[in-house]
Amino acid sequence: MNSHIDHGAGGTMFAGAQAVEVFRLITLKSGIKLEACGIKAKRGQTCRSIARKQYGIKGNAARQVEQIDALIDQARAQVPEYHDGALVKPTELPALPEITHPIDFGAEPSG
């Protein structure tokens, strides 16, 4: 099966091994950012330790995120992406969404 990423009105589909690796890197990057904010997993390895062991990425959380960003860019360049059925050139790929507002866990719940 050929790997590809398909963006449409119903969401995004990562099909094939290379596309799933892109998704895995994106998820790992998000996990490192959450760990840096203080959110910890209850069991298993931390995202930072997975990045060290499986990708050889060392450094603090910010440095690891930078290195994973570079890996994501390399991986996305290898996988064709479609937007509403049309193939998009690698130079026209949209930026991945970023979390722009930190979560304030000390705030009182609203409502």
PDB file of N, CA and C in Angstrom:
ATOM      1  N   MET A   1       0.848  -1.189   0.000  1.00  0.00           N
ATOM      2  CA  MET A   1       0.000   0.000   0.000  1.00  0.00           C
ATOM      3  C   MET A   1       0.888   1.244   0.000  1.00  0.00           C
ATOM      4  N   ASN A   2       0.550   2.193  -0.820  1.00  0.00           N
ATOM      5  CA  ASN A   2       1.304   3.437  -0.877  1.00  0.00           C
ATOM      6  C   ASN A   2       0.896   4.339   0.272  1.00  0.00           C
ATOM      7  N   SER A   3       1.894   4.929   0.901  1.00  0.00           N
ATOM      8  CA  SER A   3       1.624   5.842   2.001  1.00  0.00           C
ATOM      9  C   SER A   3       1.182   7.183   1.451  1.00  0.00           C
ATOM     10  N   HIS A   4       0.217   7.800   2.129  1.00  0.00           N
ATOM     11  CA  HIS A   4      -0.194   9.153   1.786  1.00  0.00           C
ATOM     12  C   HIS A   4      -0.964   9.755   2.959  1.00  0.00           C
ATOM     13  N   ILE A   5      -1.071  11.069   2.920  1.00  0.00           N
ATOM     14  CA  ILE A   5      -1.847  11.806   3.915  1.00  0.00           C
ATOM     15  C   ILE A   5      -2.945  12.520   3.145  1.00  0.00           C
ATOM     16  N   ASP A   6      -4.180  12.337   3.577  1.00  0.00           N
ATOM     17  CA  ASP A   6      -5.321  12.913   2.871  1.00  0.00           C
ATOM     18  C   ASP A   6      -6.090  13.827   3.820  1.00  0.00           C
ATOM     19  N   HIS A   7      -6.131  15.116   3.485  1.00  0.00           N
ATOM     20  CA  HIS A   7      -6.867  16.112   4.276  1.00  0.00           C
ATOM     21  C   HIS A   7      -8.190  16.388   3.570  1.00  0.00           C
ATOM     22  N   GLY A   8      -9.262  16.373   4.309  1.00  0.00           N
ATOM     23  CA  GLY A   8     -10.564  16.662   3.725  1.00  0.00           C
ATOM     24  C   GLY A   8     -11.477  17.286   4.757  1.00  0.00           C
ATOM     25  N   ALA A   9     -12.716  17.506   4.362  1.00  0.00           N
ATOM     26  CA  ALA A   9     -13.685  18.142   5.256  1.00  0.00           C
ATOM     27  C   ALA A   9     -13.956  17.278   6.491  1.00  0.00           C
ATOM     28  N   GLY A  10     -13.823  15.958   6.345  1.00  0.00           N
ATOM     29  CA  GLY A  10     -14.107  15.062   7.454  1.00  0.00           C
ATOM     30  C   GLY A  10     -12.931  14.818   8.373  1.00  0.00           C
ATOM     31  N   GLY A  11     -11.766  15.383   8.077  1.00  0.00           N
ATOM     32  CA  GLY A  11     -10.593  15.191   8.920  1.00  0.00           C
ATOM     33  C   GLY A  11      -9.377  14.819   8.092  1.00  0.00           C
ATOM     34  N   THR A  12      -8.382  14.258   8.738  1.00  0.00           N
ATOM     35  CA  THR A  12      -7.131  13.880   8.095  1.00  0.00           C
ATOM     36  C   THR A  12      -6.909  12.389   8.271  1.00  0.00           C
ATOM     37  N   MET A  13      -6.487  11.734   7.180  1.00  0.00           N
ATOM     38  CA  MET A  13      -6.217  10.303   7.216  1.00  0.00           C
ATOM     39  C   MET A  13      -4.738  10.070   6.917  1.00  0.00           C
ATOM     40  N   PHE A  14      -4.065   9.315   7.773  1.00  0.00           N
ATOM     41  CA  PHE A  14      -2.676   8.919   7.570  1.00  0.00           C
ATOM     42  C   PHE A  14      -2.704   7.460   7.147  1.00  0.00           C
ATOM     43  N   ALA A  15      -2.423   7.169   5.875  1.00  0.00           N
ATOM     44  CA  ALA A  15      -2.520   5.809   5.349  1.00  0.00           C
ATOM     45  C   ALA A  15      -1.137   5.300   4.970  1.00  0.00           C
ATOM     46  N   GLY A  16      -0.774   4.128   5.457  1.00  0.00           N
ATOM     47  CA  GLY A  16       0.513   3.527   5.131  1.00  0.00           C
ATOM     48  C   GLY A  16       1.556   3.792   6.199  1.00  0.00           C
ATOM     49  N   ALA A  17       2.625   2.994   6.145  1.00  0.00           N
ATOM     50  CA  ALA A  17       3.654   3.029   7.189  1.00  0.00           C
ATOM     51  C   ALA A  17       4.351   4.383   7.300  1.00  0.00           C
ATOM     52  N   GLN A  18       4.716   4.987   6.187  1.00  0.00           N
ATOM     53  CA  GLN A  18       5.425   6.274   6.256  1.00  0.00           C
ATOM     54  C   GLN A  18       4.518   7.372   6.800  1.00  0.00           C
ATOM     55  N   ALA A  19       3.257   7.373   6.408  1.00  0.00           N
ATOM     56  CA  ALA A  19       2.315   8.384   6.902  1.00  0.00           C
ATOM     57  C   ALA A  19       2.059   8.202   8.393  1.00  0.00           C
ATOM     58  N   VAL A  20       1.972   6.956   8.833  1.00  0.00           N
ATOM     59  CA  VAL A  20       1.770   6.693  10.259  1.00  0.00           C
ATOM     60  C   VAL A  20       2.988   7.161  11.055  1.00  0.00           C
ATOM     61  N   GLU A  21       4.177   7.038  10.488  1.00  0.00           N
ATOM     62  CA  GLU A  21       5.388   7.533  11.165  1.00  0.00           C
ATOM     63  C   GLU A  21       5.329   9.052  11.322  1.00  0.00           C
ATOM     64  N   VAL A  22       4.798   9.766  10.330  1.00  0.00           N
ATOM     65  CA  VAL A  22       4.615  11.216  10.447  1.00  0.00           C
ATOM     66  C   VAL A  22       3.671  11.511  11.614  1.00  0.00           C
ATOM     67  N   PHE A  23       2.553  10.788  11.682  1.00  0.00           N
ATOM     68  CA  PHE A  23       1.591  10.970  12.767  1.00  0.00           C
ATOM     69  C   PHE A  23       2.238  10.686  14.117  1.00  0.00           C
ATOM     70  N   ARG A  24       3.037   9.634  14.169  1.00  0.00           N
ATOM     71  CA  ARG A  24       3.709   9.263  15.425  1.00  0.00           C
ATOM     72  C   ARG A  24       4.642  10.377  15.893  1.00  0.00           C
ATOM     73  N   LEU A  25       5.389  10.969  14.969  1.00  0.00           N
ATOM     74  CA  LEU A  25       6.289  12.073  15.325  1.00  0.00           C
ATOM     75  C   LEU A  25       5.507  13.284  15.824  1.00  0.00           C
ATOM     76  N   ILE A  26       4.387  13.587  15.160  1.00  0.00           N
ATOM     77  CA  ILE A  26       3.552  14.712  15.581  1.00  0.00           C
ATOM     78  C   ILE A  26       3.022  14.471  16.995  1.00  0.00           C
ATOM     79  N   THR A  27       2.577  13.245  17.260  1.00  0.00           N
ATOM     80  CA  THR A  27       2.059  12.895  18.581  1.00  0.00           C
ATOM     81  C   THR A  27       3.153  12.951  19.639  1.00  0.00           C
ATOM     82  N   LEU A  28       4.346  12.469  19.291  1.00  0.00           N
ATOM     83  CA  LEU A  28       5.474  12.505  20.215  1.00  0.00           C
ATOM     84  C   LEU A  28       5.833  13.950  20.564  1.00  0.00           C
ATOM     85  N   LYS A  29       5.834  14.820  19.571  1.00  0.00           N
ATOM     86  CA  LYS A  29       6.116  16.239  19.803  1.00  0.00           C
ATOM     87  C   LYS A  29       5.082  16.840  20.763  1.00  0.00           C
ATOM     88  N   SER A  30       3.812  16.529  20.559  1.00  0.00           N
ATOM     89  CA  SER A  30       2.767  17.040  21.451  1.00  0.00           C
ATOM     90  C   SER A  30       2.950  16.516  22.868  1.00  0.00           C
ATOM     91  N   GLY A  31       3.331  15.244  22.996  1.00  0.00           N
ATOM     92  CA  GLY A  31       3.557  14.663  24.311  1.00  0.00           C
ATOM     93  C   GLY A  31       4.698  15.329  25.059  1.00  0.00           C
ATOM     94  N   ILE A  32       5.771  15.645  24.344  1.00  0.00           N
ATOM     95  CA  ILE A  32       6.913  16.325  24.975  1.00  0.00           C
ATOM     96  C   ILE A  32       6.491  17.705  25.469  1.00  0.00           C
ATOM     97  N   LYS A  33       5.680  18.405  24.674  1.00  0.00           N
ATOM     98  CA  LYS A  33       5.204  19.726  25.088  1.00  0.00           C
ATOM     99  C   LYS A  33       4.324  19.622  26.338  1.00  0.00           C
ATOM    100  N   LEU A  34       3.465  18.606  26.397  1.00  0.00           N
ATOM    101  CA  LEU A  34       2.608  18.432  27.571  1.00  0.00           C
ATOM    102  C   LEU A  34       3.434  18.075  28.796  1.00  0.00           C
ATOM    103  N   GLU A  35       4.437  17.223  28.622  1.00  0.00           N
ATOM    104  CA  GLU A  35       5.313  16.873  29.750  1.00  0.00           C
ATOM    105  C   GLU A  35       6.047  18.109  30.266  1.00  0.00           C
ATOM    106  N   ALA A  36       6.439  18.996  29.357  1.00  0.00           N
ATOM    107  CA  ALA A  36       7.127  20.225  29.767  1.00  0.00           C
ATOM    108  C   ALA A  36       6.200  21.136  30.574  1.00  0.00           C
ATOM    109  N   CYS A  37       4.887  21.014  30.359  1.00  0.00           N
ATOM    110  CA  CYS A  37       3.902  21.797  31.117  1.00  0.00           C
ATOM    111  C   CYS A  37       3.570  21.154  32.461  1.00  0.00           C
ATOM    112  N   GLY A  38       4.067  19.940  32.685  1.00  0.00           N
ATOM    113  CA  GLY A  38       3.836  19.288  33.958  1.00  0.00           C
ATOM    114  C   GLY A  38       2.885  18.107  33.910  1.00  0.00           C
ATOM    115  N   ILE A  39       2.333  17.792  32.748  1.00  0.00           N
ATOM    116  CA  ILE A  39       1.423  16.652  32.631  1.00  0.00           C
ATOM    117  C   ILE A  39       2.255  15.390  32.486  1.00  0.00           C
ATOM    118  N   LYS A  40       2.026  14.427  33.340  1.00  0.00           N
ATOM    119  CA  LYS A  40       2.806  13.189  33.341  1.00  0.00           C
ATOM    120  C   LYS A  40       1.915  11.999  33.034  1.00  0.00           C
ATOM    121  N   ALA A  41       2.476  11.015  32.348  1.00  0.00           N
ATOM    122  CA  ALA A  41       1.769   9.762  32.100  1.00  0.00           C
ATOM    123  C   ALA A  41       1.772   8.941  33.381  1.00  0.00           C
ATOM    124  N   LYS A  42       0.753   8.145  33.596  1.00  0.00           N
ATOM    125  CA  LYS A  42       0.682   7.343  34.818  1.00  0.00           C
ATOM    126  C   LYS A  42       1.583   6.123  34.743  1.00  0.00           C
ATOM    127  N   ARG A  43       1.804   5.597  33.549  1.00  0.00           N
ATOM    128  CA  ARG A  43       2.660   4.420  33.438  1.00  0.00           C
ATOM    129  C   ARG A  43       3.351   4.440  32.071  1.00  0.00           C
ATOM    130  N   GLY A  44       4.358   3.607  31.952  1.00  0.00           N
ATOM    131  CA  GLY A  44       5.091   3.538  30.695  1.00  0.00           C
ATOM    132  C   GLY A  44       6.174   4.601  30.609  1.00  0.00           C
ATOM    133  N   GLN A  45       6.759   4.688  29.463  1.00  0.00           N
ATOM    134  CA  GLN A  45       7.853   5.626  29.245  1.00  0.00           C
ATOM    135  C   GLN A  45       7.328   7.029  28.996  1.00  0.00           C
ATOM    136  N   THR A  46       8.172   8.002  29.301  1.00  0.00           N
ATOM    137  CA  THR A  46       7.826   9.372  28.970  1.00  0.00           C
ATOM    138  C   THR A  46       8.109   9.590  27.487  1.00  0.00           C
ATOM    139  N   CYS A  47       7.490  10.602  26.927  1.00  0.00           N
ATOM    140  CA  CYS A  47       7.723  10.924  25.519  1.00  0.00           C
ATOM    141  C   CYS A  47       9.174  11.328  25.293  1.00  0.00           C
ATOM    142  N   ARG A  48       9.745  12.026  26.262  1.00  0.00           N
ATOM    143  CA  ARG A  48      11.150  12.435  26.130  1.00  0.00           C
ATOM    144  C   ARG A  48      12.070  11.217  26.083  1.00  0.00           C
ATOM    145  N   SER A  49      11.785  10.178  26.885  1.00  0.00           N
ATOM    146  CA  SER A  49      12.633   8.991  26.856  1.00  0.00           C
ATOM    147  C   SER A  49      12.441   8.211  25.552  1.00  0.00           C
ATOM    148  N   ILE A  50      11.227   8.193  25.011  1.00  0.00           N
ATOM    149  CA  ILE A  50      10.990   7.547  23.718  1.00  0.00           C
ATOM    150  C   ILE A  50      11.780   8.269  22.630  1.00  0.00           C
ATOM    151  N   ALA A  51      11.779   9.597  22.664  1.00  0.00           N
ATOM    152  CA  ALA A  51      12.534  10.372  21.668  1.00  0.00           C
ATOM    153  C   ALA A  51      14.026  10.070  21.759  1.00  0.00           C
ATOM    154  N   ARG A  52      14.528   9.921  22.983  1.00  0.00           N
ATOM    155  CA  ARG A  52      15.953   9.596  23.167  1.00  0.00           C
ATOM    156  C   ARG A  52      16.267   8.195  22.659  1.00  0.00           C
ATOM    157  N   LYS A  53      15.468   7.211  23.062  1.00  0.00           N
ATOM    158  CA  LYS A  53      15.772   5.816  22.746  1.00  0.00           C
ATOM    159  C   LYS A  53      15.537   5.462  21.285  1.00  0.00           C
ATOM    160  N   GLN A  54      14.446   5.937  20.707  1.00  0.00           N
ATOM    161  CA  GLN A  54      14.092   5.510  19.358  1.00  0.00           C
ATOM    162  C   GLN A  54      14.625   6.421  18.261  1.00  0.00           C
ATOM    163  N   TYR A  55      14.874   7.680  18.576  1.00  0.00           N
ATOM    164  CA  TYR A  55      15.324   8.619  17.550  1.00  0.00           C
ATOM    165  C   TYR A  55      16.684   9.239  17.864  1.00  0.00           C
ATOM    166  N   GLY A  56      17.240   8.956  19.036  1.00  0.00           N
ATOM    167  CA  GLY A  56      18.533   9.518  19.407  1.00  0.00           C
ATOM    168  C   GLY A  56      18.496  11.015  19.665  1.00  0.00           C
ATOM    169  N   ILE A  57      17.318  11.531  20.012  1.00  0.00           N
ATOM    170  CA  ILE A  57      17.139  12.967  20.234  1.00  0.00           C
ATOM    171  C   ILE A  57      17.424  13.270  21.698  1.00  0.00           C
ATOM    172  N   LYS A  58      18.409  14.130  21.924  1.00  0.00           N
ATOM    173  CA  LYS A  58      18.799  14.478  23.290  1.00  0.00           C
ATOM    174  C   LYS A  58      18.595  15.960  23.533  1.00  0.00           C
ATOM    175  N   GLY A  59      18.704  16.343  24.786  1.00  0.00           N
ATOM    176  CA  GLY A  59      18.581  17.746  25.157  1.00  0.00           C
ATOM    177  C   GLY A  59      17.341  17.978  25.990  1.00  0.00           C
ATOM    178  N   ASN A  60      17.101  19.248  26.300  1.00  0.00           N
ATOM    179  CA  ASN A  60      15.906  19.593  27.071  1.00  0.00           C
ATOM    180  C   ASN A  60      14.676  19.496  26.169  1.00  0.00           C
ATOM    181  N   ALA A  61      13.513  19.729  26.744  1.00  0.00           N
ATOM    182  CA  ALA A  61      12.270  19.563  25.991  1.00  0.00           C
ATOM    183  C   ALA A  61      12.223  20.474  24.762  1.00  0.00           C
ATOM    184  N   ALA A  62      12.637  21.731  24.910  1.00  0.00           N
ATOM    185  CA  ALA A  62      12.603  22.666  23.781  1.00  0.00           C
ATOM    186  C   ALA A  62      13.517  22.199  22.652  1.00  0.00           C
ATOM    187  N   ARG A  63      14.686  21.718  23.005  1.00  0.00           N
ATOM    188  CA  ARG A  63      15.632  21.218  22.000  1.00  0.00           C
ATOM    189  C   ARG A  63      15.090  19.960  21.321  1.00  0.00           C
ATOM    190  N   GLN A  64      14.458  19.084  22.096  1.00  0.00           N
ATOM    191  CA  GLN A  64      13.865  17.882  21.502  1.00  0.00           C
ATOM    192  C   GLN A  64      12.748  18.241  20.524  1.00  0.00           C
ATOM    193  N   VAL A  65      11.925  19.227  20.871  1.00  0.00           N
ATOM    194  CA  VAL A  65      10.850  19.656  19.980  1.00  0.00           C
ATOM    195  C   VAL A  65      11.429  20.189  18.672  1.00  0.00           C
ATOM    196  N   GLU A  66      12.497  20.967  18.742  1.00  0.00           N
ATOM    197  CA  GLU A  66      13.144  21.487  17.528  1.00  0.00           C
ATOM    198  C   GLU A  66      13.626  20.349  16.634  1.00  0.00           C
ATOM    199  N   GLN A  67      14.254  19.346  17.252  1.00  0.00           N
ATOM    200  CA  GLN A  67      14.774  18.217  16.477  1.00  0.00           C
ATOM    201  C   GLN A  67      13.643  17.375  15.886  1.00  0.00           C
ATOM    202  N   ILE A  68      12.559  17.210  16.631  1.00  0.00           N
ATOM    203  CA  ILE A  68      11.418  16.455  16.104  1.00  0.00           C
ATOM    204  C   ILE A  68      10.763  17.235  14.963  1.00  0.00           C
ATOM    205  N   ASP A  69      10.707  18.566  15.067  1.00  0.00           N
ATOM    206  CA  ASP A  69      10.180  19.374  13.964  1.00  0.00           C
ATOM    207  C   ASP A  69      10.954  19.103  12.677  1.00  0.00           C
ATOM    208  N   ALA A  70      12.275  19.004  12.788  1.00  0.00           N
ATOM    209  CA  ALA A  70      13.106  18.723  11.613  1.00  0.00           C
ATOM    210  C   ALA A  70      12.788  17.331  11.052  1.00  0.00           C
ATOM    211  N   LEU A  71      12.599  16.351  11.946  1.00  0.00           N
ATOM    212  CA  LEU A  71      12.237  15.005  11.491  1.00  0.00           C
ATOM    213  C   LEU A  71      10.863  14.984  10.828  1.00  0.00           C
ATOM    214  N   ILE A  72       9.920  15.741  11.379  1.00  0.00           N
ATOM    215  CA  ILE A  72       8.579  15.821  10.791  1.00  0.00           C
ATOM    216  C   ILE A  72       8.662  16.403   9.388  1.00  0.00           C
ATOM    217  N   ASP A  73       9.424  17.482   9.218  1.00  0.00           N
ATOM    218  CA  ASP A  73       9.576  18.095   7.892  1.00  0.00           C
ATOM    219  C   ASP A  73      10.177  17.111   6.892  1.00  0.00           C
ATOM    220  N   GLN A  74      11.199  16.366   7.316  1.00  0.00           N
ATOM    221  CA  GLN A  74      11.818  15.370   6.434  1.00  0.00           C
ATOM    222  C   GLN A  74      10.817  14.274   6.071  1.00  0.00           C
ATOM    223  N   ALA A  75      10.087  13.799   7.050  1.00  0.00           N
ATOM    224  CA  ALA A  75       9.132  12.715   6.808  1.00  0.00           C
ATOM    225  C   ALA A  75       7.978  13.171   5.921  1.00  0.00           C
ATOM    226  N   ARG A  76       7.478  14.389   6.154  1.00  0.00           N
ATOM    227  CA  ARG A  76       6.366  14.902   5.332  1.00  0.00           C
ATOM    228  C   ARG A  76       6.783  15.091   3.886  1.00  0.00           C
ATOM    229  N   ALA A  77       8.055  15.406   3.655  1.00  0.00           N
ATOM    230  CA  ALA A  77       8.541  15.589   2.287  1.00  0.00           C
ATOM    231  C   ALA A  77       8.532  14.273   1.506  1.00  0.00           C
ATOM    232  N   GLN A  78       8.567  13.150   2.208  1.00  0.00           N
ATOM    233  CA  GLN A  78       8.604  11.827   1.575  1.00  0.00           C
ATOM    234  C   GLN A  78       7.208  11.239   1.317  1.00  0.00           C
ATOM    235  N   VAL A  79       6.181  11.827   1.903  1.00  0.00           N
ATOM    236  CA  VAL A  79       4.833  11.268   1.817  1.00  0.00           C
ATOM    237  C   VAL A  79       3.941  12.231   1.033  1.00  0.00           C
ATOM    238  N   PRO A  80       3.291  11.760  -0.040  1.00  0.00           N
ATOM    239  CA  PRO A  80       2.385  12.659  -0.774  1.00  0.00           C
ATOM    240  C   PRO A  80       1.192  13.059   0.093  1.00  0.00           C
ATOM    241  N   GLU A  81       0.777  14.311  -0.052  1.00  0.00           N
ATOM    242  CA  GLU A  81      -0.375  14.810   0.699  1.00  0.00           C
ATOM    243  C   GLU A  81      -1.420  15.319  -0.278  1.00  0.00           C
ATOM    244  N   TYR A  82      -2.664  14.991   0.037  1.00  0.00           N
ATOM    245  CA  TYR A  82      -3.795  15.408  -0.780  1.00  0.00           C
ATOM    246  C   TYR A  82      -4.703  16.297   0.050  1.00  0.00           C
ATOM    247  N   HIS A  83      -5.216  17.361  -0.575  1.00  0.00           N
ATOM    248  CA  HIS A  83      -6.185  18.243   0.064  1.00  0.00           C
ATOM    249  C   HIS A  83      -7.430  18.239  -0.809  1.00  0.00           C
ATOM    250  N   ASP A  84      -8.514  17.687  -0.266  1.00  0.00           N
ATOM    251  CA  ASP A  84      -9.769  17.543  -1.005  1.00  0.00           C
ATOM    252  C   ASP A  84      -9.543  16.856  -2.349  1.00  0.00           C
ATOM    253  N   GLY A  85      -8.711  15.822  -2.355  1.00  0.00           N
ATOM    254  CA  GLY A  85      -8.481  15.015  -3.546  1.00  0.00           C
ATOM    255  C   GLY A  85      -7.383  15.499  -4.471  1.00  0.00           C
ATOM    256  N   ALA A  86      -6.863  16.702  -4.263  1.00  0.00           N
ATOM    257  CA  ALA A  86      -5.824  17.248  -5.133  1.00  0.00           C
ATOM    258  C   ALA A  86      -4.455  17.089  -4.475  1.00  0.00           C
ATOM    259  N   LEU A  87      -3.491  16.576  -5.234  1.00  0.00           N
ATOM    260  CA  LEU A  87      -2.128  16.420  -4.733  1.00  0.00           C
ATOM    261  C   LEU A  87      -1.514  17.793  -4.486  1.00  0.00           C
ATOM    262  N   VAL A  88      -0.871  17.943  -3.344  1.00  0.00           N
ATOM    263  CA  VAL A  88      -0.235  19.209  -2.978  1.00  0.00           C
ATOM    264  C   VAL A  88       1.270  19.024  -3.057  1.00  0.00           C
ATOM    265  N   LYS A  89       1.959  19.971  -3.665  1.00  0.00           N
ATOM    266  CA  LYS A  89       3.417  19.914  -3.752  1.00  0.00           C
ATOM    267  C   LYS A  89       4.014  20.128  -2.363  1.00  0.00           C
ATOM    268  N   PRO A  90       5.184  19.507  -2.090  1.00  0.00           N
ATOM    269  CA  PRO A  90       5.800  19.679  -0.763  1.00  0.00           C
ATOM    270  C   PRO A  90       6.046  21.133  -0.374  1.00  0.00           C
ATOM    271  N   THR A  91       6.301  22.003  -1.348  1.00  0.00           N
ATOM    272  CA  THR A  91       6.547  23.417  -1.028  1.00  0.00           C
ATOM    273  C   THR A  91       5.270  24.143  -0.640  1.00  0.00           C
ATOM    274  N   GLU A  92       4.103  23.547  -0.935  1.00  0.00           N
ATOM    275  CA  GLU A  92       2.822  24.190  -0.643  1.00  0.00           C
ATOM    276  C   GLU A  92       2.125  23.591   0.576  1.00  0.00           C
ATOM    277  N   LEU A  93       2.823  22.714   1.296  1.00  0.00           N
ATOM    278  CA  LEU A  93       2.204  22.057   2.438  1.00  0.00           C
ATOM    279  C   LEU A  93       1.864  23.072   3.520  1.00  0.00           C
ATOM    280  N   PRO A  94       0.684  22.955   4.098  1.00  0.00           N
ATOM    281  CA  PRO A  94       0.319  23.871   5.177  1.00  0.00           C
ATOM    282  C   PRO A  94       1.091  23.529   6.444  1.00  0.00           C
ATOM    283  N   ALA A  95       1.276  24.527   7.261  1.00  0.00           N
ATOM    284  CA  ALA A  95       1.927  24.295   8.551  1.00  0.00           C
ATOM    285  C   ALA A  95       1.003  23.468   9.431  1.00  0.00           C
ATOM    286  N   LEU A  96       1.593  22.662  10.285  1.00  0.00           N
ATOM    287  CA  LEU A  96       0.796  21.881  11.213  1.00  0.00           C
ATOM    288  C   LEU A  96       0.265  22.790  12.302  1.00  0.00           C
ATOM    289  N   PRO A  97      -0.944  22.534  12.786  1.00  0.00           N
ATOM    290  CA  PRO A  97      -1.496  23.392  13.832  1.00  0.00           C
ATOM    291  C   PRO A  97      -0.679  23.300  15.115  1.00  0.00           C
ATOM    292  N   GLU A  98      -0.536  24.406  15.786  1.00  0.00           N
ATOM    293  CA  GLU A  98       0.205  24.479  17.049  1.00  0.00           C
ATOM    294  C   GLU A  98      -0.753  24.835  18.172  1.00  0.00           C
ATOM    295  N   ILE A  99      -0.424  24.381  19.359  1.00  0.00           N
ATOM    296  CA  ILE A  99      -1.173  24.800  20.541  1.00  0.00           C
ATOM    297  C   ILE A  99      -0.660  26.186  20.891  1.00  0.00           C
ATOM    298  N   THR A 100      -1.533  27.186  20.815  1.00  0.00           N
ATOM    299  CA  THR A 100      -1.086  28.560  21.008  1.00  0.00           C
ATOM    300  C   THR A 100      -1.327  29.084  22.416  1.00  0.00           C
ATOM    301  N   HIS A 101      -2.238  28.462  23.140  1.00  0.00           N
ATOM    302  CA  HIS A 101      -2.547  28.930  24.484  1.00  0.00           C
ATOM    303  C   HIS A 101      -2.237  27.831  25.488  1.00  0.00           C
ATOM    304  N   PRO A 102      -1.389  28.109  26.461  1.00  0.00           N
ATOM    305  CA  PRO A 102      -1.120  27.082  27.462  1.00  0.00           C
ATOM    306  C   PRO A 102      -2.356  26.834  28.315  1.00  0.00           C
ATOM    307  N   ILE A 103      -2.483  25.646  28.780  1.00  0.00           N
ATOM    308  CA  ILE A 103      -3.600  25.284  29.636  1.00  0.00           C
ATOM    309  C   ILE A 103      -3.288  25.698  31.058  1.00  0.00           C
ATOM    310  N   ASP A 104      -4.207  26.399  31.692  1.00  0.00           N
ATOM    311  CA  ASP A 104      -4.026  26.829  33.070  1.00  0.00           C
ATOM    312  C   ASP A 104      -4.787  25.868  33.973  1.00  0.00           C
ATOM    313  N   PHE A 105      -4.057  24.917  34.578  1.00  0.00           N
ATOM    314  CA  PHE A 105      -4.695  23.904  35.399  1.00  0.00           C
ATOM    315  C   PHE A 105      -5.048  24.426  36.785  1.00  0.00           C
ATOM    316  N   GLY A 106      -4.570  25.620  37.122  1.00  0.00           N
ATOM    317  CA  GLY A 106      -4.890  26.184  38.426  1.00  0.00           C
ATOM    318  C   GLY A 106      -6.156  27.012  38.414  1.00  0.00           C
ATOM    319  N   ALA A 107      -6.710  27.245  37.227  1.00  0.00           N
ATOM    320  CA  ALA A 107      -7.897  28.081  37.114  1.00  0.00           C
ATOM    321  C   ALA A 107      -9.141  27.333  37.596  1.00  0.00           C
ATOM    322  N   GLU A 108     -10.067  28.091  38.105  1.00  0.00           N
ATOM    323  CA  GLU A 108     -11.336  27.511  38.542  1.00  0.00           C
ATOM    324  C   GLU A 108     -12.163  27.146  37.310  1.00  0.00           C
ATOM    325  N   PRO A 109     -12.880  26.029  37.357  1.00  0.00           N
ATOM    326  CA  PRO A 109     -13.731  25.660  36.225  1.00  0.00           C
ATOM    327  C   PRO A 109     -14.830  26.682  36.018  1.00  0.00           C
ATOM    328  N   SER A 110     -15.124  26.958  34.750  1.00  0.00           N
ATOM    329  CA  SER A 110     -16.182  27.916  34.452  1.00  0.00           C
ATOM    330  C   SER A 110     -17.507  27.189  34.326  1.00  0.00           C
ATOM    331  N   GLY A 111     -18.575  27.886  34.576  1.00  0.00           N
ATOM    332  CA  GLY A 111     -19.909  27.328  34.355  1.00  0.00           C
ATOM    333  C   GLY A 111     -20.531  26.872  35.544  1.00  0.00           C
TER     334      GLY A 111
END
